[in-house]
């Protein structure tokens, strides 16, 4: 991996040119593959409610430190 910004930007430019030169059918096939991957990842990230093996925790109770808070000087 390189951290040379000029090299990174040049590589991105070349890759974009390669993508632009591909036939439209190939670009559409790439979009379909990306869409399928996105749907798979979305399903994996959000399992069905009530599924076994899922840990549910309650959030900790927090108090606002307003006038009635324990840090106020009465």
Protein backbone atom coordinates (compact mmCIF):
# COMPACT_ATOMS: atom_id res chain seq x y z
CA UNK A 1 0.00 0.00 0.00
CA UNK A 2 1.25 3.44 -0.84
CA UNK A 3 0.54 6.79 0.74
CA UNK A 4 1.81 8.81 -2.22
CA UNK A 5 -1.20 11.02 -3.03
CA UNK A 6 -0.11 11.72 -6.60
CA UNK A 7 0.25 7.99 -7.29
CA UNK A 8 -3.17 7.26 -5.73
CA UNK A 9 -4.90 9.98 -7.77
CA UNK A 10 -3.21 8.82 -10.97
CA UNK A 11 -4.28 5.23 -10.30
CA UNK A 12 -7.89 6.34 -9.70
CA UNK A 13 -7.86 8.37 -12.92
CA UNK A 14 -6.58 5.37 -14.91
CA UNK A 15 -9.18 3.05 -13.36
CA UNK A 16 -11.99 5.49 -14.17
CA UNK A 17 -10.78 5.69 -17.77
CA UNK A 18 -10.74 1.89 -17.98
CA UNK A 19 -14.31 1.75 -16.66
CA UNK A 20 -15.46 4.45 -19.06
CA UNK A 21 -14.04 2.54 -22.04
CA UNK A 22 -15.96 -0.67 -21.25
CA UNK A 23 -19.10 -1.55 -23.23
CA UNK A 24 -22.44 -0.48 -21.73
CA UNK A 25 -23.58 -4.10 -21.35
CA UNK A 26 -20.55 -4.84 -19.19
CA UNK A 27 -21.21 -1.74 -17.07
CA UNK A 28 -24.82 -2.82 -16.54
CA UNK A 29 -23.68 -6.32 -15.54
CA UNK A 30 -21.31 -4.75 -13.01
CA UNK A 31 -24.19 -2.70 -11.59
CA UNK A 32 -26.33 -5.83 -11.26
CA UNK A 33 -23.52 -7.60 -9.38
CA UNK A 34 -23.05 -4.61 -7.08
CA UNK A 35 -26.80 -4.45 -6.41
CA UNK A 36 -26.90 -8.15 -5.50
CA UNK A 37 -23.92 -7.71 -3.19
CA UNK A 38 -25.53 -4.68 -1.54
CA UNK A 39 -28.77 -6.59 -0.93
CA UNK A 40 -26.84 -9.53 0.55
CA UNK A 41 -24.91 -7.24 2.87
CA UNK A 42 -28.07 -5.39 3.88
CA UNK A 43 -29.81 -8.66 4.79
CA UNK A 44 -26.77 -9.84 6.75
CA UNK A 45 -26.57 -6.58 8.67
CA UNK A 46 -30.24 -6.51 9.69
CA UNK A 47 -31.41 -9.96 10.74
CA UNK A 48 -35.11 -10.57 11.28
CA UNK A 49 -36.55 -9.37 14.58
CA UNK A 50 -36.72 -12.03 17.26
CA UNK A 51 -34.02 -14.15 15.68
CA UNK A 52 -32.17 -16.53 17.97
CA UNK A 53 -28.68 -15.68 19.09
CA UNK A 54 -29.17 -11.92 18.99
CA UNK A 55 -28.18 -9.97 22.06
CA UNK A 56 -30.44 -7.08 23.03
CA UNK A 57 -29.26 -4.68 25.72
CA UNK A 58 -31.13 -1.84 27.35
CA UNK A 59 -29.45 1.54 27.26
CA UNK A 60 -28.05 2.92 30.50
CA UNK A 61 -30.24 5.50 32.23
CA UNK A 62 -28.75 8.97 31.98
CA UNK A 63 -29.82 12.07 33.85
CA UNK A 64 -29.60 15.59 32.60
CA UNK A 65 -27.54 17.77 34.94
CA UNK A 66 -30.18 20.50 35.15
CA UNK A 67 -31.27 22.51 38.18
CA UNK A 68 -32.61 19.42 39.92
CA UNK A 69 -29.50 17.38 39.18
CA UNK A 70 -27.21 16.19 41.95
CA UNK A 71 -24.52 18.69 40.95
CA UNK A 72 -26.67 21.76 41.56
CA UNK A 73 -26.04 24.04 44.51
CA UNK A 74 -29.33 24.73 46.34
